[in-house]
Amino acid sequence: GLANEMPKGVDLSKAKAWCHWEMVGTASIKSSYNIKSLEDNGVGNAILHFGVPFKADDGYVVTALGEAVSADDEACFYQPSASDRTQVNILFKNDGGSGKDSPNMFAVVLGELENE
């Protein structure tokens, strides 16, 4: 899983959800925790659906990134307006502002789950 690809000492046990997925061709989850499904919402645009929702729409923090495949790629970010306590919208764009698919996308979500 994702933990096998990280440097020694990184602890994802505090993360409430994480996902490693591919957005080239057919979008697919490579490994995840507390992710029920992945929705391909267009080029560079993915929606991750949580298995267990968070307590509030604004009750979590997302860190996301995508593998840059060219010099004009930018980092990912999440789109709060399309996110809620059950899902998060992740966007990956090039420096011109256009959506960009990536073979390796990553997101880690911290916060308080509904059942805690």
N, C-alpha and C. Protein backbone atom coordinates (compact mmCIF):
# COMPACT_ATOMS: atom_id res chain seq x y z
N GLY A 1 0.80 -1.18 0.00
CA GLY A 1 0.00 0.00 0.00
C GLY A 1 0.84 1.25 0.00
N LEU A 2 0.19 2.36 0.25
CA LEU A 2 0.82 3.67 0.25
C LEU A 2 1.96 3.73 1.27
N ALA A 3 1.79 3.13 2.42
CA ALA A 3 2.82 3.19 3.45
C ALA A 3 4.12 2.55 2.99
N ASN A 4 4.07 1.57 2.10
CA ASN A 4 5.28 0.93 1.62
C ASN A 4 6.11 1.85 0.74
N GLU A 5 5.54 2.89 0.20
CA GLU A 5 6.23 3.79 -0.70
C GLU A 5 6.76 5.03 0.01
N MET A 6 6.52 5.17 1.30
CA MET A 6 6.93 6.35 2.03
C MET A 6 8.25 6.11 2.75
N PRO A 7 8.94 7.21 3.06
CA PRO A 7 10.18 7.07 3.82
C PRO A 7 9.94 6.45 5.18
N LYS A 8 10.95 5.80 5.71
CA LYS A 8 10.84 5.17 7.03
C LYS A 8 10.47 6.23 8.07
N GLY A 9 9.57 5.86 8.96
CA GLY A 9 9.19 6.76 10.04
C GLY A 9 7.88 7.52 9.80
N VAL A 10 7.37 7.53 8.57
CA VAL A 10 6.11 8.22 8.30
C VAL A 10 4.97 7.36 8.85
N ASP A 11 4.08 7.98 9.63
CA ASP A 11 3.00 7.26 10.29
C ASP A 11 1.65 7.75 9.78
N LEU A 12 0.98 6.93 8.99
CA LEU A 12 -0.34 7.30 8.48
C LEU A 12 -1.48 6.85 9.40
N SER A 13 -1.15 6.36 10.60
CA SER A 13 -2.20 5.84 11.48
C SER A 13 -3.15 6.95 11.97
N LYS A 14 -2.75 8.19 11.92
CA LYS A 14 -3.60 9.30 12.34
C LYS A 14 -4.50 9.79 11.21
N ALA A 15 -4.20 9.39 9.98
CA ALA A 15 -5.03 9.79 8.84
C ALA A 15 -6.37 9.08 8.93
N LYS A 16 -7.43 9.79 8.65
CA LYS A 16 -8.78 9.20 8.69
C LYS A 16 -9.19 8.66 7.33
N ALA A 17 -8.47 9.07 6.28
CA ALA A 17 -8.69 8.54 4.94
C ALA A 17 -7.45 8.86 4.11
N TRP A 18 -7.09 7.96 3.20
CA TRP A 18 -6.03 8.24 2.23
C TRP A 18 -6.26 7.41 0.99
N CYS A 19 -5.69 7.87 -0.11
CA CYS A 19 -5.90 7.16 -1.37
C CYS A 19 -4.73 7.39 -2.31
N HIS A 20 -4.37 6.36 -3.03
CA HIS A 20 -3.40 6.40 -4.12
C HIS A 20 -4.15 5.88 -5.33
N TRP A 21 -4.32 6.73 -6.36
CA TRP A 21 -5.11 6.32 -7.51
C TRP A 21 -4.47 6.79 -8.81
N GLU A 22 -4.99 6.25 -9.90
CA GLU A 22 -4.52 6.58 -11.24
C GLU A 22 -5.63 7.30 -11.99
N MET A 23 -5.26 8.34 -12.74
CA MET A 23 -6.24 9.11 -13.50
C MET A 23 -5.94 9.09 -15.00
N VAL A 24 -5.20 8.11 -15.49
CA VAL A 24 -4.90 8.01 -16.92
C VAL A 24 -5.72 6.84 -17.46
N GLY A 25 -6.46 7.09 -18.54
CA GLY A 25 -7.36 6.04 -19.04
C GLY A 25 -8.52 5.89 -18.08
N THR A 26 -8.78 4.66 -17.65
CA THR A 26 -9.84 4.40 -16.68
C THR A 26 -9.31 4.69 -15.28
N ALA A 27 -9.94 5.62 -14.58
CA ALA A 27 -9.52 5.96 -13.22
C ALA A 27 -9.68 4.74 -12.31
N SER A 28 -8.67 4.48 -11.49
CA SER A 28 -8.75 3.33 -10.60
C SER A 28 -7.94 3.56 -9.33
N ILE A 29 -8.46 3.03 -8.23
CA ILE A 29 -7.77 3.11 -6.95
C ILE A 29 -6.70 2.04 -6.91
N LYS A 30 -5.47 2.45 -6.55
CA LYS A 30 -4.37 1.51 -6.39
C LYS A 30 -4.32 0.98 -4.96
N SER A 31 -4.51 1.86 -3.98
CA SER A 31 -4.60 1.47 -2.58
C SER A 31 -5.29 2.61 -1.83
N SER A 32 -5.96 2.27 -0.71
CA SER A 32 -6.69 3.30 0.01
C SER A 32 -7.07 2.85 1.41
N TYR A 33 -7.54 3.81 2.19
CA TYR A 33 -8.09 3.58 3.53
C TYR A 33 -9.28 4.52 3.69
N ASN A 34 -10.42 3.99 4.07
CA ASN A 34 -11.67 4.73 4.27
C ASN A 34 -12.12 5.47 3.00
N ILE A 35 -11.82 4.91 1.84
CA ILE A 35 -12.32 5.43 0.57
C ILE A 35 -13.25 4.37 0.00
N LYS A 36 -14.52 4.71 -0.14
CA LYS A 36 -15.52 3.78 -0.65
C LYS A 36 -15.45 3.65 -2.16
N SER A 37 -15.23 4.79 -2.84
CA SER A 37 -15.19 4.76 -4.30
C SER A 37 -14.50 6.00 -4.85
N LEU A 38 -14.14 5.90 -6.11
CA LEU A 38 -13.49 6.98 -6.85
C LEU A 38 -14.38 7.31 -8.04
N GLU A 39 -14.63 8.58 -8.25
CA GLU A 39 -15.43 9.04 -9.37
C GLU A 39 -14.56 9.90 -10.28
N ASP A 40 -14.43 9.51 -11.54
CA ASP A 40 -13.69 10.29 -12.52
C ASP A 40 -14.63 11.37 -13.03
N ASN A 41 -14.33 12.61 -12.70
CA ASN A 41 -15.24 13.72 -13.01
C ASN A 41 -14.68 14.59 -14.14
N GLY A 42 -13.87 14.00 -15.01
CA GLY A 42 -13.27 14.73 -16.12
C GLY A 42 -11.76 14.79 -15.98
N VAL A 43 -11.11 15.41 -16.95
CA VAL A 43 -9.65 15.46 -16.97
C VAL A 43 -9.12 16.20 -15.73
N GLY A 44 -8.27 15.51 -14.95
CA GLY A 44 -7.67 16.09 -13.76
C GLY A 44 -8.63 16.34 -12.61
N ASN A 45 -9.80 15.73 -12.64
CA ASN A 45 -10.83 16.01 -11.66
C ASN A 45 -11.38 14.69 -11.10
N ALA A 46 -11.11 14.42 -9.84
CA ALA A 46 -11.56 13.18 -9.21
C ALA A 46 -12.35 13.51 -7.95
N ILE A 47 -13.35 12.69 -7.67
CA ILE A 47 -14.09 12.79 -6.42
C ILE A 47 -13.86 11.50 -5.65
N LEU A 48 -13.35 11.63 -4.43
CA LEU A 48 -13.15 10.50 -3.53
C LEU A 48 -14.32 10.46 -2.57
N HIS A 49 -15.00 9.32 -2.50
CA HIS A 49 -16.14 9.14 -1.60
C HIS A 49 -15.66 8.38 -0.37
N PHE A 50 -15.88 8.96 0.81
CA PHE A 50 -15.43 8.35 2.05
C PHE A 50 -16.32 7.18 2.45
N GLY A 51 -15.72 6.14 3.03
CA GLY A 51 -16.48 5.03 3.57
C GLY A 51 -17.25 5.45 4.80
N VAL A 52 -16.57 6.11 5.72
CA VAL A 52 -17.20 6.71 6.91
C VAL A 52 -17.07 8.21 6.75
N PRO A 53 -18.18 8.95 6.74
CA PRO A 53 -18.12 10.40 6.54
C PRO A 53 -17.46 11.13 7.71
N PHE A 54 -17.05 12.35 7.46
CA PHE A 54 -16.52 13.21 8.51
C PHE A 54 -17.69 13.89 9.23
N LYS A 55 -17.44 14.43 10.43
CA LYS A 55 -18.50 15.03 11.23
C LYS A 55 -19.09 16.28 10.59
N ALA A 56 -18.26 17.04 9.90
CA ALA A 56 -18.72 18.31 9.33
C ALA A 56 -18.10 18.53 7.96
N ASP A 57 -18.78 19.35 7.16
CA ASP A 57 -18.27 19.68 5.82
C ASP A 57 -16.89 20.33 5.88
N ASP A 58 -16.67 21.13 6.91
CA ASP A 58 -15.39 21.83 7.05
C ASP A 58 -14.54 21.23 8.17
N GLY A 59 -14.81 19.97 8.53
CA GLY A 59 -14.14 19.35 9.66
C GLY A 59 -12.96 18.48 9.29
N TYR A 60 -12.35 18.71 8.14
CA TYR A 60 -11.19 17.91 7.76
C TYR A 60 -10.23 18.73 6.91
N VAL A 61 -9.00 18.23 6.85
CA VAL A 61 -7.94 18.87 6.07
C VAL A 61 -7.44 17.86 5.06
N VAL A 62 -7.25 18.31 3.83
CA VAL A 62 -6.80 17.43 2.75
C VAL A 62 -5.46 17.91 2.23
N THR A 63 -4.54 16.97 2.08
CA THR A 63 -3.29 17.23 1.38
C THR A 63 -3.29 16.31 0.17
N ALA A 64 -3.06 16.87 -1.01
CA ALA A 64 -3.10 16.06 -2.22
C ALA A 64 -1.98 16.46 -3.17
N LEU A 65 -1.54 15.51 -3.96
CA LEU A 65 -0.56 15.79 -4.99
C LEU A 65 -0.68 14.78 -6.09
N GLY A 66 -0.14 15.14 -7.24
CA GLY A 66 -0.12 14.25 -8.39
C GLY A 66 1.28 14.17 -8.94
N GLU A 67 1.57 13.08 -9.58
CA GLU A 67 2.89 12.91 -10.20
C GLU A 67 2.98 13.84 -11.40
N ALA A 68 3.93 14.75 -11.37
CA ALA A 68 4.14 15.65 -12.50
C ALA A 68 4.75 14.86 -13.65
N VAL A 69 4.12 14.93 -14.81
CA VAL A 69 4.64 14.21 -15.97
C VAL A 69 5.24 15.17 -16.98
N SER A 70 5.16 16.46 -16.72
CA SER A 70 5.83 17.46 -17.55
C SER A 70 6.13 18.68 -16.70
N ALA A 71 6.96 19.56 -17.21
CA ALA A 71 7.42 20.72 -16.45
C ALA A 71 6.29 21.70 -16.12
N ASP A 72 5.19 21.66 -16.85
CA ASP A 72 4.11 22.63 -16.62
C ASP A 72 3.03 22.14 -15.65
N ASP A 73 3.25 21.00 -15.01
CA ASP A 73 2.26 20.48 -14.06
C ASP A 73 2.36 21.21 -12.72
N GLU A 74 1.21 21.45 -12.12
CA GLU A 74 1.15 22.03 -10.79
C GLU A 74 0.68 20.97 -9.80
N ALA A 75 0.74 21.30 -8.54
CA ALA A 75 0.25 20.40 -7.49
C ALA A 75 -1.27 20.34 -7.51
N CYS A 76 -1.79 19.32 -6.86
CA CYS A 76 -3.24 19.18 -6.72
C CYS A 76 -3.74 20.07 -5.60
N PHE A 77 -5.02 20.25 -5.61
CA PHE A 77 -5.67 20.90 -4.48
C PHE A 77 -7.09 20.40 -4.42
N TYR A 78 -7.73 20.58 -3.28
CA TYR A 78 -9.11 20.11 -3.21
C TYR A 78 -10.05 21.29 -3.41
N GLN A 79 -11.23 20.98 -3.88
CA GLN A 79 -12.23 21.98 -4.26
C GLN A 79 -13.32 22.00 -3.20
N PRO A 80 -13.26 22.92 -2.23
CA PRO A 80 -14.24 22.92 -1.16
C PRO A 80 -15.69 23.01 -1.62
N SER A 81 -15.97 23.75 -2.67
CA SER A 81 -17.36 23.93 -3.09
C SER A 81 -18.00 22.63 -3.57
N ALA A 82 -17.18 21.69 -4.03
CA ALA A 82 -17.71 20.41 -4.51
C ALA A 82 -17.47 19.30 -3.48
N SER A 83 -17.06 19.68 -2.29
CA SER A 83 -16.76 18.71 -1.24
C SER A 83 -17.76 18.84 -0.11
N ASP A 84 -17.98 17.76 0.59
CA ASP A 84 -18.80 17.79 1.78
C ASP A 84 -18.28 16.71 2.73
N ARG A 85 -19.04 16.40 3.75
CA ARG A 85 -18.54 15.45 4.75
C ARG A 85 -18.46 14.02 4.24
N THR A 86 -19.04 13.73 3.07
CA THR A 86 -19.03 12.38 2.51
C THR A 86 -18.07 12.20 1.34
N GLN A 87 -17.51 13.30 0.84
CA GLN A 87 -16.64 13.21 -0.34
C GLN A 87 -15.75 14.43 -0.43
N VAL A 88 -14.69 14.31 -1.23
CA VAL A 88 -13.82 15.45 -1.50
C VAL A 88 -13.47 15.43 -2.99
N ASN A 89 -13.47 16.61 -3.57
CA ASN A 89 -13.15 16.78 -4.98
C ASN A 89 -11.68 17.21 -5.09
N ILE A 90 -10.88 16.43 -5.81
CA ILE A 90 -9.46 16.71 -5.99
C ILE A 90 -9.23 17.14 -7.44
N LEU A 91 -8.54 18.27 -7.62
CA LEU A 91 -8.23 18.78 -8.95
C LEU A 91 -6.73 18.79 -9.17
N PHE A 92 -6.29 18.48 -10.39
CA PHE A 92 -4.89 18.56 -10.77
C PHE A 92 -4.82 19.32 -12.08
N LYS A 93 -4.06 20.42 -12.09
CA LYS A 93 -4.02 21.28 -13.27
C LYS A 93 -2.58 21.59 -13.68
N ASN A 94 -2.42 21.96 -14.95
CA ASN A 94 -1.11 22.44 -15.38
C ASN A 94 -1.03 23.94 -15.09
N ASP A 95 0.12 24.55 -15.33
CA ASP A 95 0.28 25.95 -14.96
C ASP A 95 -0.55 26.89 -15.82
N GLY A 96 -1.16 26.39 -16.90
CA GLY A 96 -2.09 27.18 -17.70
C GLY A 96 -3.51 27.13 -17.17
N GLY A 97 -3.73 26.32 -16.14
CA GLY A 97 -5.05 26.22 -15.52
C GLY A 97 -5.93 25.12 -16.09
N SER A 98 -5.41 24.35 -17.06
CA SER A 98 -6.18 23.26 -17.64
C SER A 98 -6.03 21.99 -16.81
N GLY A 99 -7.09 21.19 -16.76
CA GLY A 99 -7.04 19.92 -16.05
C GLY A 99 -5.99 19.00 -16.66
N LYS A 100 -5.38 18.19 -15.81
CA LYS A 100 -4.31 17.30 -16.25
C LYS A 100 -4.46 15.97 -15.53
N ASP A 101 -4.51 14.86 -16.27
CA ASP A 101 -4.54 13.55 -15.65
C ASP A 101 -3.13 13.14 -15.25
N SER A 102 -3.02 12.31 -14.24
CA SER A 102 -1.72 11.86 -13.74
C SER A 102 -1.77 10.35 -13.47
N PRO A 103 -0.67 9.65 -13.73
CA PRO A 103 -0.65 8.21 -13.46
C PRO A 103 -0.62 7.89 -11.96
N ASN A 104 -0.20 8.84 -11.15
CA ASN A 104 -0.15 8.62 -9.70
C ASN A 104 -0.66 9.85 -8.98
N MET A 105 -1.80 9.68 -8.31
CA MET A 105 -2.41 10.74 -7.52
C MET A 105 -2.46 10.26 -6.07
N PHE A 106 -2.28 11.18 -5.14
CA PHE A 106 -2.27 10.84 -3.72
C PHE A 106 -3.07 11.88 -2.94
N ALA A 107 -3.81 11.43 -1.92
CA ALA A 107 -4.51 12.34 -1.01
C ALA A 107 -4.50 11.73 0.38
N VAL A 108 -4.28 12.58 1.38
CA VAL A 108 -4.35 12.19 2.79
C VAL A 108 -5.32 13.15 3.46
N VAL A 109 -6.25 12.60 4.25
CA VAL A 109 -7.29 13.41 4.89
C VAL A 109 -7.22 13.22 6.40
N LEU A 110 -7.16 14.33 7.12
CA LEU A 110 -7.14 14.33 8.58
C LEU A 110 -8.38 15.05 9.10
N GLY A 111 -8.92 14.59 10.20
CA GLY A 111 -10.09 15.22 10.78
C GLY A 111 -10.79 14.26 11.73
N GLU A 112 -12.06 14.55 12.02
CA GLU A 112 -12.83 13.73 12.94
C GLU A 112 -13.99 13.06 12.18
N LEU A 113 -14.04 11.76 12.28
CA LEU A 113 -15.08 11.00 11.58
C LEU A 113 -16.40 11.05 12.33
N GLU A 114 -17.48 10.79 11.61
CA GLU A 114 -18.83 10.80 12.15
C GLU A 114 -18.98 9.85 13.34
N ASN A 115 -18.31 8.71 13.32
CA ASN A 115 -18.48 7.71 14.37
C ASN A 115 -17.50 7.86 15.53
N GLU A 116 -16.82 8.97 15.62
CA GLU A 116 -15.84 9.17 16.72
C GLU A 116 -16.41 10.07 17.79
